[in-house]
Amino acid sequence: MKEIVKNLCDKLNSEWALLTAGDEKGFNSMTISWGSFGVLWFKNTVTVYVRPERYTLEFLKKQKYFTVSFYDESHKKDLQILGTKTGRGTNKMQEVSLTPKFLGDGVTFNEAKQTFVCKKLYMGQFDLNSVDPEVKKKIYEGQQGHFVFIGEIEKVI
């Protein structure tokens, strides 16, 4: 059990992933290393955390679906670009070697080795008054809390 949990946690932390929301008319992706896989409300879920200033947040708020996708090491530079550039006012997708793949219920990329297609079940924002004071000081000093999205895993491709 500990090994399975460690592997899922390590997967996000070491491999990173892309969080993508939107559709053929417009989408945005951002690199994530914080998140979790689990069970909630008798459903298999993915939980992701997004800072309020991230452009991807606008798409996540509007859309019913989002994807979390993983890539080979050869795409680490792409994930680095997508994690540091906003996409607001520029087309950061022109700077990477990833090809969008529109699923009807989400967006992923042809190069993904694994994609979780998630139906949004919950969206909320951390109440910083409820966050441990040490964490609050270290992570949120002068900032707002992350938005939290919980999605039911509907497909794995």
N, C-alpha and C. Protein backbone atom coordinates (compact mmCIF):
# COMPACT_ATOMS: atom_id res chain seq x y z
N MET A 1 0.83 -1.20 0.00
CA MET A 1 0.00 0.00 0.00
C MET A 1 0.87 1.26 0.00
N LYS A 2 1.87 1.31 0.90
CA LYS A 2 2.73 2.49 0.96
C LYS A 2 3.44 2.72 -0.37
N GLU A 3 3.85 1.63 -1.04
CA GLU A 3 4.56 1.75 -2.31
C GLU A 3 3.65 2.31 -3.40
N ILE A 4 2.39 1.90 -3.43
CA ILE A 4 1.45 2.40 -4.42
C ILE A 4 1.23 3.89 -4.23
N VAL A 5 0.99 4.31 -2.99
CA VAL A 5 0.79 5.73 -2.68
C VAL A 5 2.04 6.52 -3.04
N LYS A 6 3.19 6.01 -2.66
CA LYS A 6 4.45 6.68 -2.97
C LYS A 6 4.62 6.84 -4.48
N ASN A 7 4.28 5.80 -5.24
CA ASN A 7 4.43 5.87 -6.70
C ASN A 7 3.54 6.95 -7.31
N LEU A 8 2.29 7.04 -6.86
CA LEU A 8 1.40 8.08 -7.39
C LEU A 8 1.90 9.46 -7.01
N CYS A 9 2.34 9.64 -5.79
CA CYS A 9 2.87 10.94 -5.35
C CYS A 9 4.13 11.29 -6.11
N ASP A 10 5.04 10.32 -6.26
CA ASP A 10 6.27 10.56 -6.99
C ASP A 10 6.00 10.88 -8.46
N LYS A 11 4.99 10.24 -9.03
CA LYS A 11 4.65 10.47 -10.44
C LYS A 11 4.37 11.95 -10.68
N LEU A 12 3.55 12.56 -9.87
CA LEU A 12 3.26 13.99 -10.03
C LEU A 12 4.49 14.85 -9.71
N ASN A 13 5.18 14.52 -8.64
CA ASN A 13 6.29 15.34 -8.19
C ASN A 13 7.48 15.28 -9.13
N SER A 14 7.82 14.11 -9.63
CA SER A 14 9.03 13.98 -10.44
C SER A 14 8.76 14.10 -11.94
N GLU A 15 7.65 13.54 -12.41
CA GLU A 15 7.37 13.58 -13.84
C GLU A 15 6.66 14.87 -14.24
N TRP A 16 6.01 15.51 -13.29
CA TRP A 16 5.13 16.61 -13.56
C TRP A 16 3.97 16.12 -14.44
N ALA A 17 3.06 16.99 -14.73
CA ALA A 17 1.94 16.67 -15.60
C ALA A 17 1.42 17.97 -16.18
N LEU A 18 0.60 17.85 -17.20
CA LEU A 18 -0.08 19.02 -17.75
C LEU A 18 -1.54 18.98 -17.34
N LEU A 19 -1.99 20.09 -16.83
CA LEU A 19 -3.41 20.31 -16.54
C LEU A 19 -3.92 21.17 -17.68
N THR A 20 -4.96 20.67 -18.37
CA THR A 20 -5.48 21.38 -19.54
C THR A 20 -6.99 21.50 -19.42
N ALA A 21 -7.49 22.68 -19.77
CA ALA A 21 -8.94 22.90 -19.81
C ALA A 21 -9.26 23.77 -21.01
N GLY A 22 -10.41 23.52 -21.59
CA GLY A 22 -10.87 24.28 -22.74
C GLY A 22 -11.42 23.37 -23.81
N ASP A 23 -11.47 23.90 -25.03
CA ASP A 23 -11.99 23.13 -26.16
C ASP A 23 -11.31 23.63 -27.43
N GLU A 24 -11.85 23.24 -28.59
CA GLU A 24 -11.24 23.62 -29.87
C GLU A 24 -11.23 25.13 -30.09
N LYS A 25 -12.15 25.85 -29.47
CA LYS A 25 -12.22 27.31 -29.63
C LYS A 25 -11.13 28.01 -28.83
N GLY A 26 -10.67 27.37 -27.77
CA GLY A 26 -9.64 27.95 -26.92
C GLY A 26 -9.38 27.08 -25.72
N PHE A 27 -8.11 26.94 -25.37
CA PHE A 27 -7.72 26.14 -24.22
C PHE A 27 -6.41 26.67 -23.67
N ASN A 28 -6.07 26.22 -22.48
CA ASN A 28 -4.77 26.55 -21.91
C ASN A 28 -4.30 25.37 -21.06
N SER A 29 -2.99 25.23 -21.01
CA SER A 29 -2.36 24.17 -20.23
C SER A 29 -1.35 24.78 -19.28
N MET A 30 -1.20 24.14 -18.15
CA MET A 30 -0.16 24.54 -17.20
C MET A 30 0.45 23.29 -16.59
N THR A 31 1.70 23.37 -16.27
CA THR A 31 2.40 22.26 -15.65
C THR A 31 2.06 22.22 -14.16
N ILE A 32 1.82 21.02 -13.67
CA ILE A 32 1.52 20.85 -12.24
C ILE A 32 2.42 19.78 -11.64
N SER A 33 2.70 19.95 -10.37
CA SER A 33 3.38 18.89 -9.60
C SER A 33 2.69 18.67 -8.27
N TRP A 34 1.67 19.46 -7.99
CA TRP A 34 0.85 19.27 -6.80
C TRP A 34 -0.48 18.69 -7.23
N GLY A 35 -0.94 17.70 -6.54
CA GLY A 35 -2.22 17.10 -6.85
C GLY A 35 -2.33 15.76 -6.15
N SER A 36 -3.46 15.11 -6.36
CA SER A 36 -3.63 13.79 -5.74
C SER A 36 -4.66 12.97 -6.52
N PHE A 37 -4.50 11.67 -6.39
CA PHE A 37 -5.44 10.71 -6.93
C PHE A 37 -6.11 10.05 -5.73
N GLY A 38 -7.41 9.77 -5.82
CA GLY A 38 -8.06 9.15 -4.68
C GLY A 38 -9.49 8.76 -4.99
N VAL A 39 -10.24 8.56 -3.93
CA VAL A 39 -11.65 8.21 -4.03
C VAL A 39 -12.43 9.18 -3.17
N LEU A 40 -13.47 9.76 -3.75
CA LEU A 40 -14.34 10.68 -3.03
C LEU A 40 -15.74 10.50 -3.59
N TRP A 41 -16.71 10.47 -2.71
CA TRP A 41 -18.11 10.33 -3.10
C TRP A 41 -18.30 9.06 -3.95
N PHE A 42 -17.54 8.01 -3.61
CA PHE A 42 -17.59 6.71 -4.30
C PHE A 42 -17.12 6.80 -5.75
N LYS A 43 -16.31 7.79 -6.06
CA LYS A 43 -15.81 7.98 -7.42
C LYS A 43 -14.28 8.07 -7.39
N ASN A 44 -13.63 7.57 -8.44
CA ASN A 44 -12.18 7.73 -8.60
C ASN A 44 -11.93 9.17 -9.04
N THR A 45 -11.05 9.85 -8.33
CA THR A 45 -10.89 11.28 -8.56
C THR A 45 -9.43 11.71 -8.71
N VAL A 46 -9.28 12.88 -9.31
CA VAL A 46 -8.01 13.61 -9.36
C VAL A 46 -8.30 14.98 -8.74
N THR A 47 -7.42 15.42 -7.86
CA THR A 47 -7.52 16.76 -7.27
C THR A 47 -6.31 17.56 -7.71
N VAL A 48 -6.57 18.77 -8.21
CA VAL A 48 -5.49 19.66 -8.65
C VAL A 48 -5.65 21.02 -7.99
N TYR A 49 -4.57 21.74 -7.89
CA TYR A 49 -4.52 23.03 -7.21
C TYR A 49 -3.98 24.09 -8.17
N VAL A 50 -4.68 25.23 -8.24
CA VAL A 50 -4.31 26.26 -9.20
C VAL A 50 -4.32 27.62 -8.52
N ARG A 51 -3.24 28.35 -8.68
CA ARG A 51 -3.16 29.70 -8.11
C ARG A 51 -4.13 30.63 -8.84
N PRO A 52 -4.68 31.62 -8.13
CA PRO A 52 -5.69 32.52 -8.72
C PRO A 52 -5.20 33.29 -9.95
N GLU A 53 -3.93 33.56 -10.04
CA GLU A 53 -3.42 34.36 -11.16
C GLU A 53 -3.17 33.55 -12.43
N ARG A 54 -3.30 32.24 -12.37
CA ARG A 54 -3.02 31.40 -13.54
C ARG A 54 -4.12 31.54 -14.59
N TYR A 55 -3.73 31.69 -15.83
CA TYR A 55 -4.66 31.83 -16.95
C TYR A 55 -5.52 30.58 -17.11
N THR A 56 -4.97 29.43 -16.85
CA THR A 56 -5.72 28.17 -16.97
C THR A 56 -6.95 28.18 -16.07
N LEU A 57 -6.90 28.91 -14.97
CA LEU A 57 -8.03 28.98 -14.05
C LEU A 57 -9.30 29.46 -14.75
N GLU A 58 -9.17 30.43 -15.66
CA GLU A 58 -10.33 30.94 -16.38
C GLU A 58 -11.04 29.82 -17.15
N PHE A 59 -10.26 28.93 -17.76
CA PHE A 59 -10.81 27.82 -18.53
C PHE A 59 -11.41 26.76 -17.59
N LEU A 60 -10.73 26.50 -16.49
CA LEU A 60 -11.22 25.51 -15.52
C LEU A 60 -12.57 25.92 -14.94
N LYS A 61 -12.73 27.20 -14.66
CA LYS A 61 -13.99 27.69 -14.10
C LYS A 61 -15.15 27.50 -15.07
N LYS A 62 -14.90 27.68 -16.37
CA LYS A 62 -15.95 27.62 -17.38
C LYS A 62 -16.29 26.20 -17.83
N GLN A 63 -15.29 25.34 -17.87
CA GLN A 63 -15.46 24.03 -18.49
C GLN A 63 -15.97 22.97 -17.52
N LYS A 64 -16.65 21.98 -18.06
CA LYS A 64 -17.15 20.85 -17.29
C LYS A 64 -16.07 19.78 -17.14
N TYR A 65 -15.09 19.76 -18.05
CA TYR A 65 -14.03 18.74 -18.06
C TYR A 65 -12.66 19.39 -18.03
N PHE A 66 -11.70 18.63 -17.50
CA PHE A 66 -10.29 18.98 -17.60
C PHE A 66 -9.51 17.69 -17.76
N THR A 67 -8.27 17.81 -18.22
CA THR A 67 -7.41 16.64 -18.35
C THR A 67 -6.12 16.83 -17.56
N VAL A 68 -5.57 15.72 -17.11
CA VAL A 68 -4.26 15.67 -16.49
C VAL A 68 -3.48 14.64 -17.29
N SER A 69 -2.38 15.06 -17.91
CA SER A 69 -1.64 14.16 -18.80
C SER A 69 -0.16 14.12 -18.44
N PHE A 70 0.43 12.94 -18.70
CA PHE A 70 1.84 12.67 -18.40
C PHE A 70 2.61 12.42 -19.68
N TYR A 71 3.91 12.73 -19.64
CA TYR A 71 4.77 12.72 -20.84
C TYR A 71 6.10 12.06 -20.55
N ASP A 72 6.75 11.60 -21.62
CA ASP A 72 8.10 11.07 -21.51
C ASP A 72 9.06 12.20 -21.15
N GLU A 73 10.20 11.83 -20.64
CA GLU A 73 11.26 12.77 -20.25
C GLU A 73 11.63 13.70 -21.42
N SER A 74 11.49 13.23 -22.64
CA SER A 74 11.85 14.04 -23.82
C SER A 74 11.01 15.32 -23.94
N HIS A 75 9.90 15.40 -23.22
CA HIS A 75 9.04 16.58 -23.27
C HIS A 75 9.16 17.46 -22.03
N LYS A 76 10.17 17.22 -21.22
CA LYS A 76 10.36 18.01 -19.98
C LYS A 76 10.51 19.50 -20.30
N LYS A 77 11.20 19.83 -21.38
CA LYS A 77 11.37 21.25 -21.75
C LYS A 77 10.02 21.87 -22.12
N ASP A 78 9.18 21.11 -22.83
CA ASP A 78 7.84 21.60 -23.16
C ASP A 78 7.05 21.90 -21.89
N LEU A 79 7.12 20.98 -20.94
CA LEU A 79 6.39 21.17 -19.69
C LEU A 79 6.94 22.35 -18.91
N GLN A 80 8.24 22.57 -19.01
CA GLN A 80 8.85 23.72 -18.34
C GLN A 80 8.31 25.02 -18.93
N ILE A 81 8.22 25.09 -20.25
CA ILE A 81 7.69 26.29 -20.92
C ILE A 81 6.23 26.50 -20.52
N LEU A 82 5.44 25.44 -20.57
CA LEU A 82 4.01 25.56 -20.27
C LEU A 82 3.76 25.87 -18.79
N GLY A 83 4.74 25.61 -17.96
CA GLY A 83 4.62 25.92 -16.54
C GLY A 83 5.08 27.31 -16.16
N THR A 84 5.85 27.95 -17.05
CA THR A 84 6.40 29.26 -16.70
C THR A 84 5.82 30.40 -17.54
N LYS A 85 5.20 30.08 -18.66
CA LYS A 85 4.59 31.11 -19.51
C LYS A 85 3.08 31.06 -19.34
N THR A 86 2.44 32.20 -19.45
CA THR A 86 1.02 32.30 -19.13
C THR A 86 0.08 31.84 -20.23
N GLY A 87 0.32 32.20 -21.46
CA GLY A 87 -0.65 31.95 -22.51
C GLY A 87 -1.65 33.08 -22.64
N ARG A 88 -1.67 33.97 -21.67
CA ARG A 88 -2.56 35.14 -21.71
C ARG A 88 -1.86 36.20 -22.57
N GLY A 89 -2.44 36.50 -23.72
CA GLY A 89 -1.85 37.51 -24.59
C GLY A 89 -0.79 36.97 -25.54
N THR A 90 -0.39 35.73 -25.39
CA THR A 90 0.59 35.11 -26.29
C THR A 90 0.14 33.67 -26.57
N ASN A 91 0.70 33.09 -27.61
CA ASN A 91 0.39 31.69 -27.91
C ASN A 91 1.59 30.84 -27.53
N LYS A 92 1.64 30.42 -26.29
CA LYS A 92 2.78 29.63 -25.82
C LYS A 92 2.84 28.26 -26.48
N MET A 93 1.73 27.80 -27.05
CA MET A 93 1.72 26.50 -27.73
C MET A 93 2.64 26.49 -28.95
N GLN A 94 2.90 27.66 -29.53
CA GLN A 94 3.82 27.76 -30.67
C GLN A 94 5.26 27.49 -30.25
N GLU A 95 5.54 27.55 -28.95
CA GLU A 95 6.90 27.37 -28.46
C GLU A 95 7.21 25.93 -28.05
N VAL A 96 6.22 25.05 -28.13
CA VAL A 96 6.42 23.67 -27.69
C VAL A 96 6.18 22.70 -28.85
N SER A 97 6.61 21.46 -28.65
CA SER A 97 6.49 20.45 -29.70
C SER A 97 5.31 19.52 -29.47
N LEU A 98 4.28 20.00 -28.79
CA LEU A 98 3.10 19.18 -28.49
C LEU A 98 1.97 19.51 -29.46
N THR A 99 1.23 18.47 -29.86
CA THR A 99 0.14 18.61 -30.81
C THR A 99 -1.19 18.41 -30.09
N PRO A 100 -2.05 19.45 -30.05
CA PRO A 100 -3.33 19.31 -29.36
C PRO A 100 -4.19 18.19 -29.95
N LYS A 101 -4.88 17.50 -29.06
CA LYS A 101 -5.81 16.44 -29.44
C LYS A 101 -7.13 16.75 -28.75
N PHE A 102 -8.15 17.09 -29.54
CA PHE A 102 -9.44 17.49 -29.00
C PHE A 102 -10.31 16.25 -28.83
N LEU A 103 -10.82 16.05 -27.62
CA LEU A 103 -11.53 14.83 -27.28
C LEU A 103 -13.05 14.99 -27.25
N GLY A 104 -13.54 16.19 -27.39
CA GLY A 104 -14.96 16.44 -27.23
C GLY A 104 -15.30 16.76 -25.78
N ASP A 105 -14.64 16.08 -24.86
CA ASP A 105 -14.84 16.35 -23.43
C ASP A 105 -13.52 16.73 -22.77
N GLY A 106 -12.68 17.37 -23.53
CA GLY A 106 -11.41 17.82 -22.98
C GLY A 106 -10.36 17.93 -24.07
N VAL A 107 -9.19 18.37 -23.67
CA VAL A 107 -8.07 18.54 -24.59
C VAL A 107 -6.86 17.86 -23.98
N THR A 108 -6.15 17.09 -24.78
CA THR A 108 -4.87 16.53 -24.37
C THR A 108 -3.92 16.75 -25.55
N PHE A 109 -2.86 15.98 -25.60
CA PHE A 109 -1.87 16.13 -26.68
C PHE A 109 -1.50 14.75 -27.20
N ASN A 110 -1.25 14.67 -28.50
CA ASN A 110 -0.89 13.39 -29.12
C ASN A 110 0.31 12.75 -28.45
N GLU A 111 1.21 13.54 -27.93
CA GLU A 111 2.45 13.03 -27.35
C GLU A 111 2.29 12.49 -25.92
N ALA A 112 1.13 12.68 -25.32
CA ALA A 112 0.91 12.22 -23.94
C ALA A 112 1.03 10.70 -23.88
N LYS A 113 1.71 10.22 -22.84
CA LYS A 113 1.77 8.76 -22.67
C LYS A 113 0.59 8.26 -21.84
N GLN A 114 -0.05 9.16 -21.10
CA GLN A 114 -1.24 8.81 -20.34
C GLN A 114 -2.01 10.08 -20.02
N THR A 115 -3.34 10.03 -20.25
CA THR A 115 -4.19 11.18 -19.97
C THR A 115 -5.39 10.73 -19.16
N PHE A 116 -5.68 11.46 -18.10
CA PHE A 116 -6.87 11.27 -17.28
C PHE A 116 -7.88 12.34 -17.69
N VAL A 117 -9.03 11.92 -18.21
CA VAL A 117 -10.10 12.84 -18.57
C VAL A 117 -11.03 12.92 -17.37
N CYS A 118 -11.21 14.12 -16.85
CA CYS A 118 -11.91 14.31 -15.58
C CYS A 118 -13.11 15.24 -15.72
N LYS A 119 -14.23 14.80 -15.17
CA LYS A 119 -15.43 15.63 -15.10
C LYS A 119 -15.39 16.39 -13.78
N LYS A 120 -15.51 17.70 -13.85
CA LYS A 120 -15.40 18.55 -12.66
C LYS A 120 -16.55 18.26 -11.69
N LEU A 121 -16.21 17.90 -10.47
CA LEU A 121 -17.18 17.64 -9.41
C LEU A 121 -17.22 18.77 -8.39
N TYR A 122 -16.09 19.46 -8.21
CA TYR A 122 -15.98 20.47 -7.16
C TYR A 122 -14.96 21.52 -7.57
N MET A 123 -15.27 22.76 -7.19
CA MET A 123 -14.33 23.86 -7.34
C MET A 123 -14.48 24.74 -6.10
N GLY A 124 -13.39 25.08 -5.48
CA GLY A 124 -13.42 25.97 -4.33
C GLY A 124 -12.04 26.60 -4.14
N GLN A 125 -11.94 27.48 -3.19
CA GLN A 125 -10.66 28.14 -2.92
C GLN A 125 -10.32 27.95 -1.45
N PHE A 126 -9.03 27.70 -1.19
CA PHE A 126 -8.59 27.54 0.19
C PHE A 126 -8.94 28.77 1.02
N ASP A 127 -9.49 28.53 2.19
CA ASP A 127 -9.69 29.57 3.19
C ASP A 127 -8.39 29.62 3.99
N LEU A 128 -7.61 30.65 3.80
CA LEU A 128 -6.29 30.71 4.44
C LEU A 128 -6.37 30.79 5.96
N ASN A 129 -7.52 31.16 6.50
CA ASN A 129 -7.69 31.13 7.95
C ASN A 129 -7.73 29.71 8.49
N SER A 130 -7.96 28.75 7.60
CA SER A 130 -8.02 27.34 8.01
C SER A 130 -6.74 26.57 7.68
N VAL A 131 -5.76 27.25 7.12
CA VAL A 131 -4.48 26.62 6.76
C VAL A 131 -3.53 26.71 7.95
N ASP A 132 -2.78 25.64 8.17
CA ASP A 132 -1.78 25.62 9.23
C ASP A 132 -0.91 26.88 9.14
N PRO A 133 -0.69 27.57 10.26
CA PRO A 133 0.06 28.84 10.24
C PRO A 133 1.45 28.73 9.61
N GLU A 134 2.16 27.63 9.85
CA GLU A 134 3.50 27.48 9.25
C GLU A 134 3.41 27.36 7.73
N VAL A 135 2.44 26.59 7.24
CA VAL A 135 2.24 26.45 5.80
C VAL A 135 1.81 27.79 5.21
N LYS A 136 0.90 28.45 5.89
CA LYS A 136 0.41 29.75 5.43
C LYS A 136 1.57 30.74 5.27
N LYS A 137 2.44 30.78 6.26
CA LYS A 137 3.58 31.72 6.21
C LYS A 137 4.55 31.34 5.09
N LYS A 138 4.82 30.05 4.93
CA LYS A 138 5.80 29.60 3.94
C LYS A 138 5.28 29.69 2.51
N ILE A 139 4.02 29.34 2.29
CA ILE A 139 3.49 29.22 0.93
C ILE A 139 2.65 30.43 0.51
N TYR A 140 1.93 31.04 1.45
CA TYR A 140 0.91 32.03 1.07
C TYR A 140 1.17 33.44 1.57
N GLU A 141 2.33 33.71 2.11
CA GLU A 141 2.63 35.06 2.61
C GLU A 141 2.30 36.10 1.55
N GLY A 142 1.30 36.95 1.81
CA GLY A 142 0.92 38.02 0.89
C GLY A 142 0.19 37.55 -0.35
N GLN A 143 -0.29 36.31 -0.37
CA GLN A 143 -0.96 35.78 -1.55
C GLN A 143 -2.32 35.20 -1.18
N GLN A 144 -3.11 34.93 -2.20
CA GLN A 144 -4.40 34.26 -2.01
C GLN A 144 -4.19 32.74 -2.04
N GLY A 145 -5.17 32.02 -1.53
CA GLY A 145 -5.11 30.56 -1.54
C GLY A 145 -5.37 29.98 -2.91
N HIS A 146 -4.85 28.78 -3.13
CA HIS A 146 -5.09 28.06 -4.36
C HIS A 146 -6.58 27.75 -4.55
N PHE A 147 -6.99 27.63 -5.80
CA PHE A 147 -8.27 27.03 -6.12
C PHE A 147 -8.07 25.53 -6.16
N VAL A 148 -9.07 24.80 -5.74
CA VAL A 148 -9.04 23.35 -5.71
C VAL A 148 -10.10 22.84 -6.67
N PHE A 149 -9.68 21.91 -7.53
CA PHE A 149 -10.61 21.26 -8.45
C PHE A 149 -10.54 19.77 -8.22
N ILE A 150 -11.68 19.16 -8.04
CA ILE A 150 -11.77 17.71 -7.92
C ILE A 150 -12.55 17.22 -9.12
N GLY A 151 -11.96 16.30 -9.85
CA GLY A 151 -12.61 15.76 -11.04
C GLY A 151 -12.75 14.25 -10.95
N GLU A 152 -13.89 13.75 -11.39
CA GLU A 152 -14.08 12.31 -11.51
C GLU A 152 -13.36 11.81 -12.75
N ILE A 153 -12.55 10.79 -12.59
CA ILE A 153 -11.84 10.22 -13.74
C ILE A 153 -12.86 9.43 -14.57
N GLU A 154 -13.15 9.94 -15.74
CA GLU A 154 -14.12 9.26 -16.62
C GLU A 154 -13.45 8.36 -17.63
N LYS A 155 -12.24 8.73 -18.04
CA LYS A 155 -11.48 7.93 -19.01
C LYS A 155 -10.00 8.05 -18.72
N VAL A 156 -9.27 7.02 -19.05
CA VAL A 156 -7.82 7.06 -19.04
C VAL A 156 -7.39 6.61 -20.45
N ILE A 157 -6.66 7.50 -21.14
CA ILE A 157 -6.23 7.16 -22.50
C ILE A 157 -4.72 7.31 -22.63
